[in-house]
Protein backbone atom coordinates (compact mmCIF):
# COMPACT_ATOMS: atom_id res chain seq x y z
CA MET A 1 0.13 0.03 -0.24
CA VAL A 2 1.03 3.86 -1.17
CA ALA A 3 0.99 5.97 1.54
CA ALA A 4 -1.55 6.92 2.85
CA ARG A 5 -3.35 8.35 5.83
CA TRP A 6 -7.10 9.01 6.84
CA GLU A 7 -8.59 12.59 5.87
CA ARG A 8 -11.45 13.16 9.02
CA LEU A 9 -14.60 14.83 7.88
CA GLY A 10 -16.70 15.10 11.80
CA LYS A 11 -19.05 13.52 13.20
CA ILE A 12 -21.93 12.61 10.98
CA PHE A 13 -24.65 11.58 13.60
CA ASP A 14 -25.82 12.35 17.44
CA PRO A 15 -27.76 9.88 19.20
CA THR A 16 -28.95 12.56 21.46
CA GLU A 17 -29.74 14.69 19.17
CA HIS A 18 -32.79 12.38 17.33
CA ALA A 19 -35.90 10.17 19.35
CA LEU A 20 -34.07 6.24 19.33
CA PRO A 21 -36.17 3.17 20.33
CA ASN A 22 -37.02 1.64 23.82
CA GLY A 23 -36.36 4.84 25.37
CA CYS A 24 -32.98 5.14 24.81
CA LYS A 25 -31.22 8.35 24.97
CA GLU A 26 -27.23 8.05 24.15
CA PHE A 27 -25.13 5.93 22.63
CA ALA A 28 -24.36 4.67 18.94
CA GLN A 29 -21.79 2.44 18.90
CA SER A 30 -20.26 0.14 16.36
CA PRO A 31 -21.40 1.54 13.57
CA GLN A 32 -21.30 -0.39 10.92
CA ALA A 33 -22.52 0.53 6.83
CA LEU A 34 -25.20 -1.49 4.52
CA VAL A 35 -24.89 0.41 1.29
CA PHE A 36 -28.11 0.83 -0.97
CA ASP A 37 -28.57 2.26 -4.28
CA ASP A 38 -29.81 5.51 -3.13
CA PHE A 39 -28.47 5.67 0.73
CA VAL A 40 -26.65 4.34 3.26
CA ARG A 41 -28.24 2.65 6.58
CA ILE A 42 -25.96 2.51 9.08
CA TYR A 43 -26.64 0.12 12.60
CA PHE A 44 -25.56 0.55 15.69
CA ALA A 45 -25.39 0.23 18.94
CA THR A 46 -27.64 2.09 21.67
CA ARG A 47 -28.61 2.46 25.17
CA GLN A 48 -31.61 1.21 27.47
CA VAL A 49 -31.42 1.70 30.98
CA ASP A 50 -32.64 -1.67 32.92
CA PRO A 51 -35.76 -0.30 35.32
CA GLY A 52 -34.57 -3.50 37.48
CA ASN A 53 -31.59 -2.77 38.45
CA GLY A 54 -30.32 0.51 36.37
CA LYS A 55 -27.89 -1.21 34.75
CA TYR A 56 -27.79 -1.17 30.50
CA LEU A 57 -29.10 -2.75 27.70
CA SER A 58 -28.45 -2.91 24.49
CA HIS A 59 -30.39 -2.41 21.11
CA ILE A 60 -29.47 -1.77 17.01
CA ALA A 61 -31.16 0.15 15.92
CA TYR A 62 -30.29 2.35 12.21
CA VAL A 63 -29.66 5.89 10.42
CA ASP A 64 -30.66 6.26 6.93
CA MET A 65 -28.50 8.95 5.46
CA ASP A 66 -27.39 10.28 1.71
CA ARG A 67 -24.57 8.28 0.00
CA GLY A 68 -22.49 10.95 0.97
CA LEU A 69 -23.20 10.90 4.06
CA ARG A 70 -23.92 14.26 4.91
CA SER A 71 -27.21 14.78 5.65
CA VAL A 72 -29.99 11.80 8.03
CA GLN A 73 -32.46 10.76 6.05
CA ALA A 74 -34.44 8.33 8.42
CA VAL A 75 -34.24 7.07 12.34
CA SER A 76 -35.47 3.42 12.83
CA ASP A 77 -38.65 3.55 15.78
CA HIS A 78 -38.00 0.64 16.43
CA THR A 79 -34.97 -1.87 17.19
CA VAL A 80 -34.03 -4.09 14.35
CA ILE A 81 -34.30 -6.92 17.52
CA PRO A 82 -35.12 -8.21 20.00
CA LEU A 83 -32.68 -9.05 23.22
CA GLY A 84 -32.47 -13.13 23.51
CA ASN A 85 -34.67 -15.27 25.87
CA LEU A 86 -33.66 -15.67 29.41
CA GLY A 87 -30.44 -17.05 30.27
CA CYS A 88 -29.56 -17.20 26.63
CA PHE A 89 -26.77 -15.91 25.87
CA ASP A 90 -27.70 -12.06 24.54
CA GLU A 91 -30.23 -11.74 27.02
CA HIS A 92 -28.83 -8.26 28.03
CA GLY A 93 -27.61 -6.85 25.34
CA ILE A 94 -26.28 -7.05 21.13
CA PHE A 95 -23.25 -4.95 19.76
CA PRO A 96 -22.65 -4.86 17.06
CA LEU A 97 -24.27 -6.14 14.56
CA ASN A 98 -22.41 -6.81 11.17
CA VAL A 99 -24.20 -7.24 7.77
CA VAL A 100 -23.15 -9.05 5.04
CA ARG A 101 -25.18 -9.82 1.66
CA HIS A 102 -26.31 -13.18 0.47
CA GLY A 103 -28.36 -14.01 -2.08
CA ASP A 104 -31.92 -12.30 -1.45
CA VAL A 105 -31.08 -11.55 2.01
CA ILE A 106 -29.17 -9.95 4.66
CA LEU A 107 -27.28 -11.65 7.23
CA GLY A 108 -26.41 -10.30 10.22
CA TYR A 109 -23.45 -11.30 12.67
CA THR A 110 -24.90 -10.64 16.58
CA CYS A 111 -22.01 -10.14 19.57
CA GLY A 112 -24.68 -11.24 22.43
CA TRP A 113 -24.32 -10.28 25.68
CA THR A 114 -25.11 -11.47 28.66
CA ARG A 115 -24.27 -10.49 32.87
CA ARG A 116 -22.03 -13.12 35.17
CA VAL A 117 -21.51 -12.89 38.70
CA SER A 118 -17.42 -13.47 38.99
CA VAL A 119 -17.21 -10.51 36.07
CA SER A 120 -19.30 -8.63 34.43
CA VAL A 121 -20.22 -10.28 31.34
CA ASP A 122 -19.59 -13.06 28.46
CA THR A 123 -20.58 -13.13 24.54
CA ALA A 124 -20.89 -15.19 21.38
CA VAL A 125 -22.01 -14.70 18.30
CA GLY A 126 -25.37 -15.14 16.67
CA LEU A 127 -27.10 -15.30 13.59
CA VAL A 128 -29.98 -13.30 12.56
CA ILE A 129 -31.59 -13.07 8.89
CA SER A 130 -33.65 -9.97 7.06
CA ARG A 131 -36.15 -10.87 4.40
CA ASP A 132 -37.26 -7.01 4.33
CA ASN A 133 -34.03 -5.00 3.46
CA GLY A 134 -32.85 -4.76 6.86
CA ARG A 135 -35.96 -3.55 8.57
CA THR A 136 -36.23 -6.07 11.08
CA PHE A 137 -34.11 -9.31 11.41
CA GLN A 138 -34.89 -12.77 13.22
CA ARG A 139 -33.11 -15.04 14.54
CA VAL A 140 -31.95 -18.65 13.22
CA ALA A 141 -31.65 -20.21 16.86
CA ASP A 142 -31.46 -18.84 20.13
CA GLY A 143 -27.93 -20.41 20.46
CA PRO A 144 -25.09 -18.80 19.34
CA VAL A 145 -22.97 -19.94 15.47
CA LEU A 146 -19.18 -18.67 17.44
CA ALA A 147 -18.52 -18.98 21.38
CA SER A 148 -16.35 -19.78 23.64
CA SER A 149 -13.97 -23.31 22.99
CA LEU A 150 -11.27 -25.00 24.42
CA HIS A 151 -8.99 -22.65 23.70
CA GLU A 152 -10.61 -19.02 23.52
CA PRO A 153 -12.16 -19.57 27.11
CA CYS A 154 -14.74 -16.26 27.29
CA LEU A 155 -15.39 -13.54 24.95
CA VAL A 156 -16.16 -14.25 21.84
CA GLY A 157 -17.37 -11.89 19.51
CA ASP A 158 -17.66 -9.08 17.11
CA ALA A 159 -17.86 -10.90 14.30
CA PHE A 160 -17.08 -9.07 10.90
CA VAL A 161 -18.17 -11.42 7.96
CA ARG A 162 -17.55 -11.37 4.24
CA ILE A 163 -18.12 -13.55 1.18
CA ILE A 164 -15.00 -14.53 -0.64
CA ASP A 165 -14.70 -16.82 -3.84
CA GLY A 166 -17.40 -18.60 -2.34
CA SER A 167 -16.55 -19.03 0.87
CA PHE A 168 -17.73 -17.07 4.46
CA HIS A 169 -14.80 -15.34 6.52
CA MET A 170 -15.17 -14.29 9.64
CA TRP A 171 -12.78 -12.72 12.21
CA TYR A 172 -13.46 -12.30 15.41
CA MET A 173 -12.77 -11.34 19.17
CA PHE A 174 -11.32 -13.84 21.55
CA GLY A 175 -10.99 -13.91 25.03
CA THR A 176 -7.81 -14.85 26.65
CA GLY A 177 -8.35 -14.09 30.25
CA TRP A 178 -9.56 -12.10 33.03
CA ARG A 179 -7.18 -10.53 34.97
CA GLN A 180 -7.17 -7.93 37.89
CA PHE A 181 -4.65 -6.01 37.25
CA ARG A 182 -4.71 -3.90 40.62
CA ALA A 183 -6.09 -4.50 44.06
CA ASN A 184 -9.62 -3.29 44.88
CA GLU A 185 -10.38 -3.21 41.49
CA PRO A 186 -12.77 -5.20 39.52
CA PRO A 187 -10.87 -7.97 37.17
CA ASP A 188 -10.50 -6.25 33.24
CA ARG A 189 -10.52 -8.32 30.01
CA THR A 190 -8.06 -8.80 27.16
CA TYR A 191 -8.56 -10.26 23.91
CA LYS A 192 -7.66 -10.68 20.50
CA ILE A 193 -8.11 -10.99 17.09
CA GLY A 194 -9.47 -14.45 15.58
CA HIS A 195 -10.55 -16.01 11.97
CA ALA A 196 -12.98 -18.46 11.25
CA VAL A 197 -13.99 -20.05 7.75
CA SER A 198 -17.53 -21.77 7.08
CA ASP A 199 -19.55 -22.86 3.84
CA ASP A 200 -22.41 -21.89 5.15
CA GLY A 201 -22.35 -19.21 7.50
CA ILE A 202 -23.49 -21.42 9.76
CA HIS A 203 -21.16 -24.03 10.96
CA TRP A 204 -17.32 -22.18 11.15
CA MET A 205 -14.09 -23.39 11.70
CA LYS A 206 -11.58 -21.77 13.95
CA GLU A 207 -8.15 -21.37 13.29
CA GLU A 208 -8.30 -22.24 17.13
CA ALA A 209 -7.18 -19.80 19.16
CA ARG A 210 -4.49 -18.01 16.50
CA GLN A 211 -3.96 -14.38 17.59
CA ILE A 212 -4.23 -13.21 14.08
CA VAL A 213 -2.65 -9.74 14.99
CA PRO A 214 0.71 -9.18 16.10
CA ASP A 215 1.08 -6.82 19.19
CA ARG A 216 1.88 -3.42 19.59
CA LEU A 217 1.18 -2.60 23.85
CA GLY A 218 2.59 -5.91 24.43
CA ALA A 219 0.73 -9.12 26.24
CA ASP A 220 -2.11 -6.98 27.79
CA GLU A 221 -2.68 -5.28 24.85
CA SER A 222 -6.39 -5.91 23.79
CA GLN A 223 -8.15 -5.91 20.25
CA ALA A 224 -11.47 -5.58 19.05
CA LEU A 225 -13.87 -5.19 16.24
CA PRO A 226 -12.01 -5.88 12.95
CA THR A 227 -12.59 -5.02 9.24
CA VAL A 228 -11.55 -6.20 6.48
CA ILE A 229 -11.51 -5.12 3.10
CA GLU A 230 -9.37 -5.13 -0.42
CA ILE A 231 -7.44 -2.09 -1.99
CA GLY A 232 -5.47 -2.65 -5.01
CA GLY A 233 -5.41 -5.86 -5.17
CA ARG A 234 -4.09 -6.34 -1.14
CA TYR A 235 -6.40 -7.02 2.21
CA HIS A 236 -6.33 -4.81 5.01
CA MET A 237 -7.99 -4.92 8.51
CA PHE A 238 -9.01 -1.93 10.67
CA PHE A 239 -9.47 -2.42 14.57
CA CYS A 240 -9.11 -0.63 17.54
CA TYR A 241 -6.81 -2.17 20.59
CA ARG A 242 -6.12 -0.30 23.58
CA GLN A 243 -4.42 -1.39 27.20
CA SER A 244 -6.33 -3.75 29.27
CA PHE A 245 -6.61 -1.87 31.74
CA ASP A 246 -7.07 1.91 33.29
CA PHE A 247 -8.01 2.53 29.94
CA ARG A 248 -11.88 4.31 30.83
CA LYS A 249 -10.28 7.74 32.10
CA THR A 250 -6.31 7.49 31.75
CA LYS A 251 -5.70 9.59 28.51
CA GLY A 252 -3.27 7.37 25.88
CA ARG A 253 -4.33 4.33 27.53
CA GLY A 254 -7.91 3.75 25.15
CA TYR A 255 -9.32 3.06 22.24
CA ARG A 256 -6.94 3.56 18.89
CA ILE A 257 -7.83 2.95 15.50
CA GLY A 258 -4.77 0.08 14.59
CA HIS A 259 -3.93 -1.42 10.84
CA ALA A 260 -3.02 -4.93 9.66
CA TRP A 261 -2.27 -6.10 5.80
CA SER A 262 -2.03 -9.53 4.28
CA ASP A 263 -1.79 -11.05 0.61
CA ASP A 264 -3.82 -14.72 1.66
CA LEU A 265 -6.23 -14.16 4.38
CA ARG A 266 -3.99 -16.13 7.02
CA HIS A 267 -0.88 -13.95 7.14
CA TRP A 268 -0.69 -10.23 8.52
CA THR A 269 1.67 -7.68 8.89
CA ARG A 270 0.64 -4.83 11.15
CA ASP A 271 1.20 -1.38 9.76
CA ASP A 272 -0.90 1.11 12.32
CA ASP A 273 0.74 4.26 10.96
CA ASN A 274 -0.17 3.55 6.88
CA PRO A 275 -2.67 4.73 7.20
CA LEU A 276 -2.54 7.30 10.19
CA LEU A 277 -6.12 8.63 11.70
CA GLU A 278 -4.99 11.73 13.51
CA THR A 279 -5.91 13.53 16.36
CA GLU A 280 -7.19 17.18 17.44
CA ASP A 281 -7.06 18.23 20.67
CA GLY A 282 -10.39 19.16 21.95
CA ALA A 283 -12.32 18.00 19.01
CA TRP A 284 -15.18 14.67 19.83
CA ASP A 285 -12.60 11.91 19.19
CA SER A 286 -9.60 13.18 21.06
CA ASP A 287 -9.16 11.00 23.53
CA MET A 288 -10.51 7.96 21.92
CA GLN A 289 -11.31 6.42 18.24
CA CYS A 290 -12.49 2.78 17.73
CA TYR A 291 -15.11 0.80 16.50
CA PRO A 292 -14.28 1.30 12.72
CA ASN A 293 -15.96 -0.03 10.06
CA VAL A 294 -14.58 0.90 6.57
CA PHE A 295 -16.43 0.15 3.44
CA GLU A 296 -16.51 1.65 -0.22
CA CYS A 297 -19.18 3.98 -1.73
CA ASP A 298 -18.58 5.99 -4.74
CA GLY A 299 -15.11 5.36 -5.66
CA ARG A 300 -14.75 6.57 -1.54
CA VAL A 301 -13.44 4.76 1.02
CA LEU A 302 -14.81 5.41 4.10
CA MET A 303 -14.65 4.60 7.66
CA LEU A 304 -17.17 4.90 9.95
CA TYR A 305 -15.88 4.89 13.47
CA ASN A 306 -16.78 6.31 17.38
CA GLY A 307 -14.95 9.02 19.31
CA ASN A 308 -14.46 10.06 22.99
CA ALA A 309 -16.37 7.86 25.67
CA PHE A 310 -17.03 4.91 23.28
CA GLY A 311 -19.65 7.01 21.13
CA ARG A 312 -21.96 8.28 24.16
CA TYR A 313 -22.63 11.16 21.33
CA GLY A 314 -22.52 9.26 18.52
CA PHE A 315 -19.84 8.45 15.45
CA GLY A 316 -18.01 10.59 12.72
CA VAL A 317 -16.47 9.46 9.46
CA ALA A 318 -12.88 9.67 7.98
CA GLU A 319 -11.66 8.97 3.88
CA LEU A 320 -8.82 7.35 2.65
CA LYS A 321 -6.79 9.45 1.28
CA SER A 322 -3.68 8.59 -0.47
């Protein structure tokens, strides 16, 4: 890849300025684009306060924007998937939703959240299908299609799926474990990016516990939300990474956008600085840049991403320039 950079085009959607379903008032996390002929539908995760305990429940909604991502055309008045049944892997939230066209349907790969006792959450990947152009999705089953296994003990999620040469490829995160880094503080999790393949999008074969992207911050680096695109005959992965602990309030330890490239979808070379998404003091994304989704529209390579506070006040866009 020739020298390239991301041109930050600013924040394009603020959930606090719109009426959201289920009484949600803040958060538009992990924006994921689905391009139509005359608009772009962007799915995102928003949050509802659980009246039973005051904790958050994550729901999926969407905003339709013009293909230039300059104006909002509509915001969904409904959540596109109900939360999971009692005791299921997605009972307490869905975040994110990755979408991919397949024939005359749209497949959606969910990250379902369920609360735990000794640690805060666990996650797994579910499959949903839309037959109404992505307005609503229905579960294939109550259980996940990818979950914890022998060498991936927890926190499987953040699936990004694409069909390449007739095969389904999934890049996802898997947890290496939980650890209490400091006394008198709750444990924090560490996760890496893995890869799985499938013939049908339902039954998956993992490259079990193989971390495919090298660490930049050491063993305690957490990597999340991969997105893969082909540019000029080479595959490029963008993701976010951070320190595994003390990342919520300490500047410099929160999420940033990472990058790796591959010629064979198996071996990945990390190169975060090309292209680089720069920061600007005092901007909406000055403290954090996370949850990227890269796609092509009208000859432009665009990246949706969240900024400060994990997307509490929305998401923005950057364009790849070379």
